[in-house]
Amino acid sequence: MTTPQHPRFARAYARAVPAINLRGGTEHRRTLLAGLRGRVIEVGAGEGSSFGLYPATVESVLAVEPDDYLRELAGAKAGLAAVPVTVVPGTAENIPAADGEADAVVVSLVLCSVADQADALAEIRRVLRPGGTLAFYEHVRSDKRFLAAVEDLLTPAWRHMAGGCHPNRNTLHAIGAAGFQVLHSERFGFSAGPLSPSIAHILGRAVSPGEPR
């Protein structure tokens, strides 16, 4: 199956990432990854911003990225990481890993753009061991009624311009509905640039069902 590509968005995103990271993106990712250990799968690795932030307790990272351009950039960064990183093609709905292979799965600004959140989260559950960790950092639907209505209005056009991104998703609810136990989640506003509005984000941890092994 051919993975849809978004070359214009991918290039624009890669150019924007350094400024976003300086505005706080790096610290958010550092918090996201803190304390992870064992075998990690990062779904939607982008151009590899997270690779240099993994703690030494991580044994290996399988970085899954569907976009050809971003995957090439990520491959160049993988060799500079302090932990072993392998970059492979794949999607959130089709992760190239065995059942229960991962001790942790990382999603960072990914679940906004998957075709179906339930399918993606079911696949993440499949590759996580029982009691494994889902570390998530996502932008989500505003809890302010007017802004949420604006996001609903903008979504049909925005998802075509921004690589499938839906700005109006209730991702925390979707994580719980997929059977994960949410341990904690911080909600905060974050602006990607000086002229960008502050958008609601969540950052937290959940665990997959079952007894840890």
C-alpha atoms as a PDB file:
ATOM      1  CA  MET A   1       0.000   0.000   0.000  1.00  0.00           C
ATOM      2  CA  THR A   2       1.349   3.402  -0.985  1.00  0.00           C
ATOM      3  CA  THR A   3       1.662   5.851   1.893  1.00  0.00           C
ATOM      4  CA  PRO A   4       0.241   9.310   1.087  1.00  0.00           C
ATOM      5  CA  GLN A   5       2.958  11.936   0.846  1.00  0.00           C
ATOM      6  CA  HIS A   6       2.691  15.644   1.683  1.00  0.00           C
ATOM      7  CA  PRO A   7       5.920  17.060   0.235  1.00  0.00           C
ATOM      8  CA  ARG A   8       5.064  20.764   0.536  1.00  0.00           C
ATOM      9  CA  PHE A   9       3.916  20.453   4.119  1.00  0.00           C
ATOM     10  CA  ALA A  10       6.882  18.222   5.031  1.00  0.00           C
ATOM     11  CA  ARG A  11       9.371  20.796   3.778  1.00  0.00           C
ATOM     12  CA  ALA A  12       7.541  23.678   5.450  1.00  0.00           C
ATOM     13  CA  TYR A  13       7.390  21.734   8.704  1.00  0.00           C
ATOM     14  CA  ALA A  14      11.101  20.898   8.611  1.00  0.00           C
ATOM     15  CA  ARG A  15      11.942  24.576   8.106  1.00  0.00           C
ATOM     16  CA  ALA A  16       9.696  25.617  11.006  1.00  0.00           C
ATOM     17  CA  VAL A  17      10.916  23.050  13.537  1.00  0.00           C
ATOM     18  CA  PRO A  18      14.078  24.882  14.738  1.00  0.00           C
ATOM     19  CA  ALA A  19      12.082  27.976  15.707  1.00  0.00           C
ATOM     20  CA  ILE A  20       9.339  25.883  17.326  1.00  0.00           C
ATOM     21  CA  ASN A  21      11.945  24.008  19.349  1.00  0.00           C
ATOM     22  CA  LEU A  22      13.499  27.262  20.553  1.00  0.00           C
ATOM     23  CA  ARG A  23      10.087  28.497  21.711  1.00  0.00           C
ATOM     24  CA  GLY A  24       9.656  25.477  23.980  1.00  0.00           C
ATOM     25  CA  GLY A  25       9.231  22.461  21.744  1.00  0.00           C
ATOM     26  CA  THR A  26      12.529  20.937  22.861  1.00  0.00           C
ATOM     27  CA  GLU A  27      11.661  21.229  26.543  1.00  0.00           C
ATOM     28  CA  HIS A  28       8.241  19.692  25.934  1.00  0.00           C
ATOM     29  CA  ARG A  29       9.881  16.747  24.168  1.00  0.00           C
ATOM     30  CA  ARG A  30      12.474  16.408  26.928  1.00  0.00           C
ATOM     31  CA  THR A  31       9.663  16.140  29.482  1.00  0.00           C
ATOM     32  CA  LEU A  32       7.840  13.680  27.219  1.00  0.00           C
ATOM     33  CA  LEU A  33      10.812  11.307  27.055  1.00  0.00           C
ATOM     34  CA  ALA A  34      12.117  11.603  30.620  1.00  0.00           C
ATOM     35  CA  GLY A  35      12.246   8.292  32.459  1.00  0.00           C
ATOM     36  CA  LEU A  36      11.547   6.047  29.464  1.00  0.00           C
ATOM     37  CA  ARG A  37      13.482   2.798  29.390  1.00  0.00           C
ATOM     38  CA  GLY A  38      13.898  -0.349  27.349  1.00  0.00           C
ATOM     39  CA  ARG A  39      12.717  -0.702  23.763  1.00  0.00           C
ATOM     40  CA  VAL A  40      10.899   2.353  22.408  1.00  0.00           C
ATOM     41  CA  ILE A  41       8.883   2.861  19.232  1.00  0.00           C
ATOM     42  CA  GLU A  42       8.469   6.486  18.146  1.00  0.00           C
ATOM     43  CA  VAL A  43       5.511   6.806  15.795  1.00  0.00           C
ATOM     44  CA  GLY A  44       5.681   9.750  13.404  1.00  0.00           C
ATOM     45  CA  ALA A  45       9.283  10.662  14.163  1.00  0.00           C
ATOM     46  CA  GLY A  46       9.299  13.589  11.738  1.00  0.00           C
ATOM     47  CA  GLU A  47      12.771  14.904  11.030  1.00  0.00           C
ATOM     48  CA  GLY A  48      14.170  13.439  14.253  1.00  0.00           C
ATOM     49  CA  SER A  49      13.863  16.248  16.811  1.00  0.00           C
ATOM     50  CA  SER A  50      13.489  13.755  19.651  1.00  0.00           C
ATOM     51  CA  PHE A  51      16.485  11.554  18.910  1.00  0.00           C
ATOM     52  CA  GLY A  52      19.022  13.530  20.913  1.00  0.00           C
ATOM     53  CA  LEU A  53      16.730  13.759  23.940  1.00  0.00           C
ATOM     54  CA  TYR A  54      16.240  10.085  24.787  1.00  0.00           C
ATOM     55  CA  PRO A  55      17.652   9.127  28.205  1.00  0.00           C
ATOM     56  CA  ALA A  56      20.401   6.543  28.544  1.00  0.00           C
ATOM     57  CA  THR A  57      17.899   4.096  30.080  1.00  0.00           C
ATOM     58  CA  VAL A  58      16.450   3.565  26.579  1.00  0.00           C
ATOM     59  CA  GLU A  59      17.990   0.510  24.906  1.00  0.00           C
ATOM     60  CA  SER A  60      16.816   1.227  21.362  1.00  0.00           C
ATOM     61  CA  VAL A  61      14.424   3.374  19.357  1.00  0.00           C
ATOM     62  CA  LEU A  62      12.494   2.209  16.305  1.00  0.00           C
ATOM     63  CA  ALA A  63      11.536   5.491  14.614  1.00  0.00           C
ATOM     64  CA  VAL A  64       8.574   5.109  12.246  1.00  0.00           C
ATOM     65  CA  GLU A  65       8.010   7.902   9.719  1.00  0.00           C
ATOM     66  CA  PRO A  66       5.699   7.726   6.678  1.00  0.00           C
ATOM     67  CA  ASP A  67       6.958  10.783   4.802  1.00  0.00           C
ATOM     68  CA  ASP A  68       9.908  10.136   2.488  1.00  0.00           C
ATOM     69  CA  TYR A  69      11.459  13.595   2.894  1.00  0.00           C
ATOM     70  CA  LEU A  70      11.191  13.709   6.694  1.00  0.00           C
ATOM     71  CA  ARG A  71      12.408  10.129   6.971  1.00  0.00           C
ATOM     72  CA  GLU A  72      15.552  11.041   5.028  1.00  0.00           C
ATOM     73  CA  LEU A  73      16.237  13.930   7.430  1.00  0.00           C
ATOM     74  CA  ALA A  74      15.574  11.669  10.409  1.00  0.00           C
ATOM     75  CA  GLY A  75      17.989   9.077   9.081  1.00  0.00           C
ATOM     76  CA  ALA A  76      20.766  11.661   9.039  1.00  0.00           C
ATOM     77  CA  LYS A  77      20.090  12.532  12.699  1.00  0.00           C
ATOM     78  CA  ALA A  78      19.794   8.939  13.887  1.00  0.00           C
ATOM     79  CA  GLY A  79      23.535   8.377  13.772  1.00  0.00           C
ATOM     80  CA  LEU A  80      24.134  11.347  16.070  1.00  0.00           C
ATOM     81  CA  ALA A  81      21.854  10.102  18.863  1.00  0.00           C
ATOM     82  CA  ALA A  82      23.247   8.797  22.140  1.00  0.00           C
ATOM     83  CA  VAL A  83      21.005   5.699  21.925  1.00  0.00           C
ATOM     84  CA  PRO A  84      20.613   3.317  18.961  1.00  0.00           C
ATOM     85  CA  VAL A  85      17.945   4.667  16.569  1.00  0.00           C
ATOM     86  CA  THR A  86      16.657   2.815  13.518  1.00  0.00           C
ATOM     87  CA  VAL A  87      14.479   4.827  11.100  1.00  0.00           C
ATOM     88  CA  VAL A  88      11.920   2.864   9.069  1.00  0.00           C
ATOM     89  CA  PRO A  89       8.900   3.600   6.855  1.00  0.00           C
ATOM     90  CA  GLY A  90       5.481   2.959   8.321  1.00  0.00           C
ATOM     91  CA  THR A  91       2.345   4.597   9.680  1.00  0.00           C
ATOM     92  CA  ALA A  92       0.542   4.750  12.998  1.00  0.00           C
ATOM     93  CA  GLU A  93      -2.011   2.303  11.599  1.00  0.00           C
ATOM     94  CA  ASN A  94       0.660  -0.093  10.303  1.00  0.00           C
ATOM     95  CA  ILE A  95       3.700  -0.183  12.600  1.00  0.00           C
ATOM     96  CA  PRO A  96       6.438  -2.579  11.422  1.00  0.00           C
ATOM     97  CA  ALA A  97       6.870  -4.324  14.780  1.00  0.00           C
ATOM     98  CA  ALA A  98       5.786  -7.541  16.461  1.00  0.00           C
ATOM     99  CA  ASP A  99       3.011  -7.821  19.035  1.00  0.00           C
ATOM    100  CA  GLY A 100       4.172  -6.615  22.441  1.00  0.00           C
ATOM    101  CA  GLU A 101       7.610  -5.649  21.147  1.00  0.00           C
ATOM    102  CA  ALA A 102       7.849  -2.222  22.789  1.00  0.00           C
ATOM    103  CA  ASP A 103       8.226  -1.175  26.399  1.00  0.00           C
ATOM    104  CA  ALA A 104       7.075   2.319  25.394  1.00  0.00           C
ATOM    105  CA  VAL A 105       5.532   4.078  22.406  1.00  0.00           C
ATOM    106  CA  VAL A 106       6.038   7.791  21.836  1.00  0.00           C
ATOM    107  CA  VAL A 107       3.648   9.990  19.837  1.00  0.00           C
ATOM    108  CA  SER A 108       4.504  13.649  19.395  1.00  0.00           C
ATOM    109  CA  LEU A 109       2.130  15.832  17.347  1.00  0.00           C
ATOM    110  CA  VAL A 110       1.016  12.724  15.466  1.00  0.00           C
ATOM    111  CA  LEU A 111      -2.513  11.751  16.520  1.00  0.00           C
ATOM    112  CA  CYS A 112      -3.890  14.965  15.044  1.00  0.00           C
ATOM    113  CA  SER A 113      -3.018  13.759  11.549  1.00  0.00           C
ATOM    114  CA  VAL A 114      -3.773  10.031  11.506  1.00  0.00           C
ATOM    115  CA  ALA A 115      -6.704   8.975   9.349  1.00  0.00           C
ATOM    116  CA  ASP A 116      -8.484   7.265  12.257  1.00  0.00           C
ATOM    117  CA  GLN A 117      -7.420   7.699  15.872  1.00  0.00           C
ATOM    118  CA  ALA A 118      -9.101   4.492  17.034  1.00  0.00           C
ATOM    119  CA  ASP A 119      -7.239   2.431  14.428  1.00  0.00           C
ATOM    120  CA  ALA A 120      -3.913   4.103  15.257  1.00  0.00           C
ATOM    121  CA  LEU A 121      -4.318   3.618  19.001  1.00  0.00           C
ATOM    122  CA  ALA A 122      -5.344  -0.026  18.521  1.00  0.00           C
ATOM    123  CA  GLU A 123      -2.137  -0.581  16.556  1.00  0.00           C
ATOM    124  CA  ILE A 124      -0.113   1.138  19.285  1.00  0.00           C
ATOM    125  CA  ARG A 125      -1.726  -1.183  21.839  1.00  0.00           C
ATOM    126  CA  ARG A 126      -0.744  -4.153  19.682  1.00  0.00           C
ATOM    127  CA  VAL A 127       2.973  -3.325  19.654  1.00  0.00           C
ATOM    128  CA  LEU A 128       3.106  -2.372  23.360  1.00  0.00           C
ATOM    129  CA  ARG A 129       3.760  -5.025  25.974  1.00  0.00           C
ATOM    130  CA  PRO A 130       1.064  -5.361  28.671  1.00  0.00           C
ATOM    131  CA  GLY A 131       1.517  -2.487  31.096  1.00  0.00           C
ATOM    132  CA  GLY A 132       3.702  -0.632  28.581  1.00  0.00           C
ATOM    133  CA  THR A 133       3.905   3.151  28.435  1.00  0.00           C
ATOM    134  CA  LEU A 134       2.304   5.486  25.919  1.00  0.00           C
ATOM    135  CA  ALA A 135       4.015   8.886  26.112  1.00  0.00           C
ATOM    136  CA  PHE A 136       1.968  11.534  24.302  1.00  0.00           C
ATOM    137  CA  TYR A 137       2.425  15.188  23.345  1.00  0.00           C
ATOM    138  CA  GLU A 138      -0.382  16.451  21.117  1.00  0.00           C
ATOM    139  CA  HIS A 139      -2.280  19.580  20.204  1.00  0.00           C
ATOM    140  CA  VAL A 140      -5.998  19.228  20.854  1.00  0.00           C
ATOM    141  CA  ARG A 141      -9.417  20.842  20.594  1.00  0.00           C
ATOM    142  CA  SER A 142      -9.837  24.039  22.572  1.00  0.00           C
ATOM    143  CA  ASP A 143     -11.966  23.887  25.722  1.00  0.00           C
ATOM    144  CA  LYS A 144     -13.261  27.373  24.909  1.00  0.00           C
ATOM    145  CA  ARG A 145     -16.522  27.154  22.978  1.00  0.00           C
ATOM    146  CA  PHE A 146     -15.812  29.922  20.476  1.00  0.00           C
ATOM    147  CA  LEU A 147     -12.294  28.735  19.657  1.00  0.00           C
ATOM    148  CA  ALA A 148     -13.499  25.138  19.336  1.00  0.00           C
ATOM    149  CA  ALA A 149     -16.142  26.297  16.842  1.00  0.00           C
ATOM    150  CA  VAL A 150     -13.456  28.107  14.858  1.00  0.00           C
ATOM    151  CA  GLU A 151     -11.338  24.939  14.831  1.00  0.00           C
ATOM    152  CA  ASP A 152     -14.322  22.949  13.578  1.00  0.00           C
ATOM    153  CA  LEU A 153     -14.821  25.480  10.804  1.00  0.00           C
ATOM    154  CA  LEU A 154     -11.157  25.449   9.776  1.00  0.00           C
ATOM    155  CA  THR A 155     -10.566  21.699   9.938  1.00  0.00           C
ATOM    156  CA  PRO A 156     -11.760  20.660   6.429  1.00  0.00           C
ATOM    157  CA  ALA A 157      -9.401  23.105   4.711  1.00  0.00           C
ATOM    158  CA  TRP A 158      -6.580  22.844   7.257  1.00  0.00           C
ATOM    159  CA  ARG A 159      -6.234  19.075   7.010  1.00  0.00           C
ATOM    160  CA  HIS A 160      -5.652  19.387   3.253  1.00  0.00           C
ATOM    161  CA  MET A 161      -3.000  22.085   3.708  1.00  0.00           C
ATOM    162  CA  ALA A 162      -1.252  20.632   6.757  1.00  0.00           C
ATOM    163  CA  GLY A 163      -0.604  16.967   6.049  1.00  0.00           C
ATOM    164  CA  GLY A 164      -3.921  15.688   7.386  1.00  0.00           C
ATOM    165  CA  CYS A 165      -3.814  17.657  10.647  1.00  0.00           C
ATOM    166  CA  HIS A 166      -7.153  18.011  12.473  1.00  0.00           C
ATOM    167  CA  PRO A 167      -7.001  20.904  14.989  1.00  0.00           C
ATOM    168  CA  ASN A 168     -10.285  19.910  16.650  1.00  0.00           C
ATOM    169  CA  ARG A 169      -9.639  16.416  18.005  1.00  0.00           C
ATOM    170  CA  ASN A 170     -10.296  15.328  21.596  1.00  0.00           C
ATOM    171  CA  THR A 171      -7.221  13.123  21.731  1.00  0.00           C
ATOM    172  CA  LEU A 172      -7.194  12.511  25.481  1.00  0.00           C
ATOM    173  CA  HIS A 173     -10.682  11.035  25.250  1.00  0.00           C
ATOM    174  CA  ALA A 174      -9.585   8.862  22.310  1.00  0.00           C
ATOM    175  CA  ILE A 175      -6.631   7.494  24.320  1.00  0.00           C
ATOM    176  CA  GLY A 176      -8.936   6.473  27.154  1.00  0.00           C
ATOM    177  CA  ALA A 177     -11.534   5.054  24.764  1.00  0.00           C
ATOM    178  CA  ALA A 178      -8.826   2.854  23.216  1.00  0.00           C
ATOM    179  CA  GLY A 179      -8.380   1.090  26.564  1.00  0.00           C
ATOM    180  CA  PHE A 180      -5.349   2.942  27.905  1.00  0.00           C
ATOM    181  CA  GLN A 181      -5.235   4.076  31.518  1.00  0.00           C
ATOM    182  CA  VAL A 182      -4.194   7.725  31.574  1.00  0.00           C
ATOM    183  CA  LEU A 183      -1.811   8.223  34.483  1.00  0.00           C
ATOM    184  CA  HIS A 184      -1.418  11.969  34.100  1.00  0.00           C
ATOM    185  CA  SER A 185      -1.923  14.665  31.502  1.00  0.00           C
ATOM    186  CA  GLU A 186      -0.944  18.323  31.568  1.00  0.00           C
ATOM    187  CA  ARG A 187      -2.951  20.734  29.428  1.00  0.00           C
ATOM    188  CA  PHE A 188      -1.366  24.028  28.349  1.00  0.00           C
ATOM    189  CA  GLY A 189      -1.343  26.612  25.595  1.00  0.00           C
ATOM    190  CA  PHE A 190       1.593  26.764  23.209  1.00  0.00           C
ATOM    191  CA  SER A 191       2.306  29.093  20.300  1.00  0.00           C
ATOM    192  CA  ALA A 192       4.518  27.836  17.472  1.00  0.00           C
ATOM    193  CA  GLY A 193       5.596  31.345  16.446  1.00  0.00           C
ATOM    194  CA  PRO A 194       5.375  35.035  17.389  1.00  0.00           C
ATOM    195  CA  LEU A 195       2.353  35.552  15.111  1.00  0.00           C
ATOM    196  CA  SER A 196       0.707  32.193  15.831  1.00  0.00           C
ATOM    197  CA  PRO A 197      -2.219  31.831  18.244  1.00  0.00           C
ATOM    198  CA  SER A 198      -1.827  29.863  21.450  1.00  0.00           C
ATOM    199  CA  ILE A 199      -3.135  26.342  20.803  1.00  0.00           C
ATOM    200  CA  ALA A 200      -4.213  23.834  23.446  1.00  0.00           C
ATOM    201  CA  HIS A 201      -1.754  20.961  23.935  1.00  0.00           C
ATOM    202  CA  ILE A 202      -1.625  17.921  26.202  1.00  0.00           C
ATOM    203  CA  LEU A 203       1.469  16.114  27.474  1.00  0.00           C
ATOM    204  CA  GLY A 204       1.303  12.991  29.572  1.00  0.00           C
ATOM    205  CA  ARG A 205       1.553   9.249  30.111  1.00  0.00           C
ATOM    206  CA  ALA A 206      -0.821   6.316  29.785  1.00  0.00           C
ATOM    207  CA  VAL A 207      -0.347   2.570  30.166  1.00  0.00           C
ATOM    208  CA  SER A 208      -1.643  -0.304  28.083  1.00  0.00           C
ATOM    209  CA  PRO A 209      -3.964  -2.871  29.677  1.00  0.00           C
ATOM    210  CA  GLY A 210      -2.608  -6.017  31.293  1.00  0.00           C
ATOM    211  CA  GLU A 211      -0.108  -6.967  33.936  1.00  0.00           C
ATOM    212  CA  PRO A 212       3.456  -5.732  33.307  1.00  0.00           C
ATOM    213  CA  ARG A 213       5.880  -8.469  32.466  1.00  0.00           C
END
